[in-house]
N, C-alpha and C. Protein backbone atom coordinates (compact mmCIF):
# COMPACT_ATOMS: atom_id res chain seq x y z
N MET A 1 0.85 -1.16 0.00
CA MET A 1 0.00 0.00 0.00
C MET A 1 0.89 1.23 0.00
N PRO A 2 0.40 2.34 -0.52
CA PRO A 2 1.24 3.54 -0.62
C PRO A 2 1.32 4.32 0.69
N VAL A 3 2.39 5.10 0.82
CA VAL A 3 2.54 6.01 1.95
C VAL A 3 1.35 6.95 1.99
N GLY A 4 0.84 7.22 3.17
CA GLY A 4 -0.29 8.12 3.35
C GLY A 4 -1.63 7.43 3.39
N ALA A 5 -1.65 6.11 3.14
CA ALA A 5 -2.90 5.36 3.16
C ALA A 5 -3.37 5.16 4.60
N THR A 6 -4.68 5.08 4.77
CA THR A 6 -5.28 4.82 6.07
C THR A 6 -5.95 3.46 6.02
N VAL A 7 -5.65 2.60 6.99
CA VAL A 7 -6.29 1.30 7.11
C VAL A 7 -7.34 1.40 8.21
N VAL A 8 -8.52 0.84 7.96
CA VAL A 8 -9.60 0.83 8.94
C VAL A 8 -9.92 -0.62 9.28
N TRP A 9 -9.80 -0.97 10.56
CA TRP A 9 -10.20 -2.28 11.05
C TRP A 9 -11.59 -2.13 11.65
N THR A 10 -12.52 -2.98 11.27
CA THR A 10 -13.88 -2.96 11.81
C THR A 10 -14.16 -4.30 12.46
N HIS A 11 -14.55 -4.27 13.72
CA HIS A 11 -14.80 -5.50 14.47
C HIS A 11 -16.22 -5.98 14.20
N LYS A 12 -16.33 -7.16 13.59
CA LYS A 12 -17.64 -7.73 13.26
C LYS A 12 -17.94 -8.99 14.04
N GLY A 13 -17.07 -9.34 14.99
CA GLY A 13 -17.26 -10.55 15.77
C GLY A 13 -17.88 -10.27 17.12
N GLN A 14 -17.75 -11.23 18.03
CA GLN A 14 -18.35 -11.12 19.36
C GLN A 14 -17.32 -10.85 20.45
N LYS A 15 -16.18 -11.55 20.38
CA LYS A 15 -15.16 -11.41 21.43
C LYS A 15 -14.34 -10.14 21.19
N PRO A 16 -13.86 -9.51 22.27
CA PRO A 16 -13.05 -8.29 22.10
C PRO A 16 -11.70 -8.59 21.45
N HIS A 17 -11.19 -7.60 20.74
CA HIS A 17 -9.88 -7.69 20.08
C HIS A 17 -9.17 -6.35 20.23
N THR A 18 -7.89 -6.34 19.87
CA THR A 18 -7.13 -5.10 19.75
C THR A 18 -6.35 -5.15 18.45
N VAL A 19 -5.88 -3.99 18.04
CA VAL A 19 -4.92 -3.85 16.94
C VAL A 19 -3.76 -3.11 17.57
N THR A 20 -2.67 -3.82 17.85
CA THR A 20 -1.56 -3.26 18.61
C THR A 20 -0.25 -3.49 17.86
N ALA A 21 0.46 -2.41 17.55
CA ALA A 21 1.75 -2.51 16.86
C ALA A 21 2.76 -3.20 17.75
N ASP A 22 3.59 -4.06 17.15
CA ASP A 22 4.64 -4.74 17.91
C ASP A 22 5.53 -3.74 18.64
N ASP A 23 5.82 -2.59 18.01
CA ASP A 23 6.71 -1.61 18.63
C ASP A 23 5.97 -0.55 19.45
N GLY A 24 4.65 -0.71 19.60
CA GLY A 24 3.86 0.23 20.39
C GLY A 24 3.50 1.52 19.68
N ALA A 25 3.80 1.63 18.38
CA ALA A 25 3.55 2.86 17.64
C ALA A 25 2.06 3.20 17.52
N PHE A 26 1.20 2.20 17.55
CA PHE A 26 -0.24 2.42 17.53
C PHE A 26 -0.95 1.32 18.29
N SER A 27 -2.13 1.66 18.81
CA SER A 27 -2.94 0.69 19.52
C SER A 27 -4.40 1.15 19.50
N SER A 28 -5.28 0.23 19.22
CA SER A 28 -6.70 0.53 19.17
C SER A 28 -7.33 0.58 20.56
N GLY A 29 -6.68 -0.03 21.55
CA GLY A 29 -7.37 -0.29 22.79
C GLY A 29 -8.36 -1.41 22.53
N LYS A 30 -9.17 -1.72 23.50
CA LYS A 30 -10.14 -2.82 23.37
C LYS A 30 -11.23 -2.45 22.37
N LEU A 31 -11.43 -3.32 21.37
CA LEU A 31 -12.50 -3.14 20.40
C LEU A 31 -13.59 -4.17 20.68
N ASP A 32 -14.77 -3.69 20.99
CA ASP A 32 -15.92 -4.57 21.16
C ASP A 32 -16.65 -4.67 19.83
N ALA A 33 -17.66 -5.54 19.75
CA ALA A 33 -18.44 -5.71 18.53
C ALA A 33 -18.92 -4.37 18.01
N GLY A 34 -18.71 -4.14 16.72
CA GLY A 34 -19.12 -2.88 16.09
C GLY A 34 -18.09 -1.78 16.17
N GLY A 35 -17.02 -1.98 16.95
CA GLY A 35 -15.97 -0.96 17.08
C GLY A 35 -15.11 -0.89 15.84
N ALA A 36 -14.42 0.22 15.68
CA ALA A 36 -13.52 0.40 14.54
C ALA A 36 -12.28 1.16 14.99
N PHE A 37 -11.20 0.98 14.24
CA PHE A 37 -9.94 1.66 14.51
C PHE A 37 -9.30 2.03 13.19
N GLU A 38 -8.78 3.25 13.08
CA GLU A 38 -8.10 3.73 11.88
C GLU A 38 -6.65 4.05 12.20
N GLN A 39 -5.78 3.75 11.24
CA GLN A 39 -4.37 4.10 11.38
C GLN A 39 -3.85 4.55 10.02
N THR A 40 -3.26 5.74 9.97
CA THR A 40 -2.65 6.25 8.75
C THR A 40 -1.16 5.95 8.80
N PHE A 41 -0.63 5.45 7.69
CA PHE A 41 0.78 5.09 7.60
C PHE A 41 1.50 6.13 6.75
N ASP A 42 2.24 7.04 7.43
CA ASP A 42 2.86 8.18 6.79
C ASP A 42 4.29 7.96 6.31
N LYS A 43 4.81 6.76 6.52
CA LYS A 43 6.17 6.48 6.07
C LYS A 43 6.25 5.04 5.58
N PRO A 44 7.19 4.76 4.67
CA PRO A 44 7.32 3.38 4.21
C PRO A 44 7.90 2.48 5.29
N GLY A 45 7.58 1.21 5.21
CA GLY A 45 8.13 0.25 6.16
C GLY A 45 7.23 -0.95 6.34
N THR A 46 7.63 -1.81 7.24
CA THR A 46 6.89 -3.02 7.59
C THR A 46 6.40 -2.84 9.02
N PHE A 47 5.09 -2.98 9.23
CA PHE A 47 4.48 -2.67 10.52
C PHE A 47 3.72 -3.89 11.05
N PRO A 48 4.41 -4.74 11.83
CA PRO A 48 3.73 -5.90 12.41
C PRO A 48 2.80 -5.47 13.55
N TYR A 49 1.67 -6.18 13.66
CA TYR A 49 0.72 -5.89 14.73
C TYR A 49 0.07 -7.19 15.20
N PHE A 50 -0.62 -7.12 16.35
CA PHE A 50 -1.23 -8.32 16.92
C PHE A 50 -2.42 -7.94 17.77
N CYS A 51 -3.21 -8.93 18.15
CA CYS A 51 -4.32 -8.76 19.09
C CYS A 51 -3.78 -9.10 20.48
N GLU A 52 -3.93 -8.20 21.42
CA GLU A 52 -3.42 -8.43 22.78
C GLU A 52 -4.13 -9.59 23.48
N PHE A 53 -5.35 -9.90 23.08
CA PHE A 53 -6.10 -10.99 23.70
C PHE A 53 -5.81 -12.35 23.07
N HIS A 54 -5.43 -12.36 21.80
CA HIS A 54 -5.33 -13.62 21.06
C HIS A 54 -4.03 -13.81 20.30
N GLY A 55 -3.05 -12.97 20.52
CA GLY A 55 -1.79 -13.08 19.80
C GLY A 55 -0.65 -12.49 20.60
N GLY A 56 0.45 -12.24 19.92
CA GLY A 56 1.62 -11.66 20.58
C GLY A 56 2.59 -11.10 19.57
N LYS A 57 3.54 -10.33 20.06
CA LYS A 57 4.58 -9.75 19.21
C LYS A 57 5.31 -10.84 18.45
N GLY A 58 5.81 -10.46 17.28
CA GLY A 58 6.60 -11.40 16.49
C GLY A 58 5.78 -12.40 15.70
N GLY A 59 4.49 -12.13 15.52
CA GLY A 59 3.67 -13.00 14.69
C GLY A 59 3.02 -14.16 15.43
N GLU A 60 2.96 -14.10 16.73
CA GLU A 60 2.36 -15.18 17.53
C GLU A 60 0.83 -15.09 17.48
N GLY A 61 0.17 -16.19 17.18
CA GLY A 61 -1.29 -16.25 17.19
C GLY A 61 -1.92 -15.28 16.22
N MET A 62 -2.87 -14.49 16.69
CA MET A 62 -3.58 -13.53 15.84
C MET A 62 -2.67 -12.32 15.64
N ALA A 63 -1.99 -12.31 14.52
CA ALA A 63 -1.02 -11.26 14.21
C ALA A 63 -0.92 -11.12 12.70
N ALA A 64 -0.46 -9.96 12.25
CA ALA A 64 -0.31 -9.71 10.82
C ALA A 64 0.68 -8.58 10.63
N THR A 65 0.89 -8.20 9.37
CA THR A 65 1.83 -7.15 9.04
C THR A 65 1.24 -6.26 7.94
N ILE A 66 1.40 -4.96 8.11
CA ILE A 66 1.05 -3.99 7.08
C ILE A 66 2.37 -3.60 6.40
N ILE A 67 2.39 -3.64 5.07
CA ILE A 67 3.59 -3.25 4.32
C ILE A 67 3.27 -1.98 3.54
N VAL A 68 4.05 -0.94 3.79
CA VAL A 68 3.87 0.35 3.14
C VAL A 68 5.09 0.62 2.27
N ALA A 69 4.85 0.82 0.98
CA ALA A 69 5.94 1.08 0.03
C ALA A 69 6.09 2.58 -0.19
N ALA A 70 7.31 3.00 -0.49
CA ALA A 70 7.55 4.39 -0.84
C ALA A 70 6.69 4.73 -2.04
N GLN A 71 6.21 5.95 -2.12
CA GLN A 71 5.29 6.34 -3.18
C GLN A 71 5.82 6.00 -4.56
N SER A 72 7.09 6.26 -4.84
CA SER A 72 7.63 5.97 -6.16
C SER A 72 7.62 4.48 -6.46
N ALA A 73 7.85 3.64 -5.44
CA ALA A 73 7.83 2.20 -5.65
C ALA A 73 6.40 1.67 -5.70
N ALA A 74 5.52 2.23 -4.88
CA ALA A 74 4.14 1.74 -4.81
C ALA A 74 3.32 2.20 -5.99
N CYS A 75 3.54 3.43 -6.45
CA CYS A 75 2.72 4.01 -7.51
C CYS A 75 3.59 4.75 -8.52
N PRO A 76 4.25 4.02 -9.42
CA PRO A 76 5.06 4.70 -10.43
C PRO A 76 4.21 5.73 -11.16
N GLY A 77 4.78 6.90 -11.37
CA GLY A 77 4.05 7.94 -12.07
C GLY A 77 3.01 8.63 -11.20
N GLY A 78 3.03 8.37 -9.90
CA GLY A 78 2.10 9.03 -9.01
C GLY A 78 0.77 8.34 -8.85
N GLY A 79 0.51 7.29 -9.63
CA GLY A 79 -0.72 6.54 -9.46
C GLY A 79 -1.97 7.29 -9.83
N GLY A 80 -1.84 8.28 -10.75
CA GLY A 80 -3.00 9.10 -11.08
C GLY A 80 -4.04 8.42 -11.94
N ALA A 81 -3.66 7.42 -12.70
CA ALA A 81 -4.62 6.77 -13.59
C ALA A 81 -5.71 6.07 -12.79
N ARG A 82 -6.94 6.25 -13.22
CA ARG A 82 -8.07 5.71 -12.48
C ARG A 82 -8.05 4.19 -12.39
N ALA A 83 -7.59 3.52 -13.43
CA ALA A 83 -7.59 2.06 -13.45
C ALA A 83 -6.27 1.45 -13.00
N SER A 84 -5.36 2.27 -12.49
CA SER A 84 -4.05 1.75 -12.10
C SER A 84 -4.14 0.86 -10.87
N PRO A 85 -3.17 -0.03 -10.67
CA PRO A 85 -3.15 -0.84 -9.45
C PRO A 85 -3.11 0.02 -8.19
N CYS A 86 -2.47 1.19 -8.25
CA CYS A 86 -2.40 2.06 -7.09
C CYS A 86 -3.76 2.63 -6.75
N ALA A 87 -4.55 2.98 -7.76
CA ALA A 87 -5.89 3.51 -7.51
C ALA A 87 -6.74 2.46 -6.82
N SER A 88 -6.65 1.21 -7.26
CA SER A 88 -7.46 0.18 -6.62
C SER A 88 -6.93 -0.14 -5.23
N ALA A 89 -5.61 -0.02 -5.01
CA ALA A 89 -5.05 -0.27 -3.68
C ALA A 89 -5.56 0.77 -2.69
N ARG A 90 -5.82 1.98 -3.16
CA ARG A 90 -6.32 3.02 -2.26
C ARG A 90 -7.75 2.75 -1.83
N ARG A 91 -8.49 1.98 -2.61
CA ARG A 91 -9.90 1.74 -2.30
C ARG A 91 -10.11 0.55 -1.38
N ARG A 92 -9.17 -0.40 -1.34
CA ARG A 92 -9.40 -1.58 -0.51
C ARG A 92 -8.07 -2.15 -0.04
N ALA A 93 -8.10 -2.82 1.07
CA ALA A 93 -6.92 -3.49 1.60
C ALA A 93 -6.92 -4.94 1.16
N ALA A 94 -5.77 -5.54 1.17
CA ALA A 94 -5.65 -6.97 0.90
C ALA A 94 -5.03 -7.61 2.13
N PRO A 95 -5.79 -7.71 3.21
CA PRO A 95 -5.23 -8.16 4.48
C PRO A 95 -4.86 -9.63 4.48
N ARG A 96 -3.88 -9.97 5.29
CA ARG A 96 -3.48 -11.36 5.45
C ARG A 96 -4.04 -11.93 6.75
N TRP A 97 -4.57 -11.07 7.60
CA TRP A 97 -5.11 -11.49 8.89
C TRP A 97 -6.61 -11.61 8.72
N ARG A 98 -7.09 -12.81 8.58
CA ARG A 98 -8.52 -13.04 8.36
C ARG A 98 -9.19 -13.29 9.70
N SER A 99 -9.73 -12.24 10.28
CA SER A 99 -10.34 -12.36 11.60
C SER A 99 -11.43 -11.31 11.74
N ALA A 100 -11.99 -11.24 12.91
CA ALA A 100 -13.03 -10.27 13.19
C ALA A 100 -12.51 -8.85 13.10
N THR A 101 -11.21 -8.65 13.15
CA THR A 101 -10.66 -7.29 13.08
C THR A 101 -9.82 -7.09 11.83
N THR A 102 -10.11 -7.83 10.79
CA THR A 102 -9.42 -7.65 9.52
C THR A 102 -9.67 -6.23 9.01
N PRO A 103 -8.65 -5.56 8.47
CA PRO A 103 -8.91 -4.24 7.93
C PRO A 103 -10.05 -4.30 6.91
N SER A 104 -11.02 -3.43 7.06
CA SER A 104 -12.20 -3.49 6.20
C SER A 104 -12.11 -2.55 5.01
N ARG A 105 -11.31 -1.51 5.11
CA ARG A 105 -11.16 -0.63 3.97
C ARG A 105 -9.85 0.14 4.09
N LEU A 106 -9.45 0.69 2.97
CA LEU A 106 -8.21 1.43 2.89
C LEU A 106 -8.51 2.72 2.15
N ARG A 107 -8.06 3.84 2.68
CA ARG A 107 -8.25 5.07 1.94
C ARG A 107 -7.00 5.93 2.08
N SER A 108 -6.81 6.76 1.09
CA SER A 108 -5.65 7.66 1.14
C SER A 108 -6.07 9.06 0.77
């Protein structure tokens, strides 16, 4: 996903969850059913996160990683074309963590 994108996690399950960065850079706090959490990624990098109730740092249990590419690498030419892969990446996330707190949308 490109720098500047915002990921939104929406809790659609029953048990509480969190979205907590391994390095503590962001945390949703406890998310109950219907809760949501947004995080904007303003720099390129790899951002591992986990659920404090069901996972742990380093990819233990319920955990995943957000990968943010530098704008030039993520969207050659600025990604202005409507049908470009970058335009579609801005509209939706492709999460690897399939759970009640999977990111539900991506916007930039």
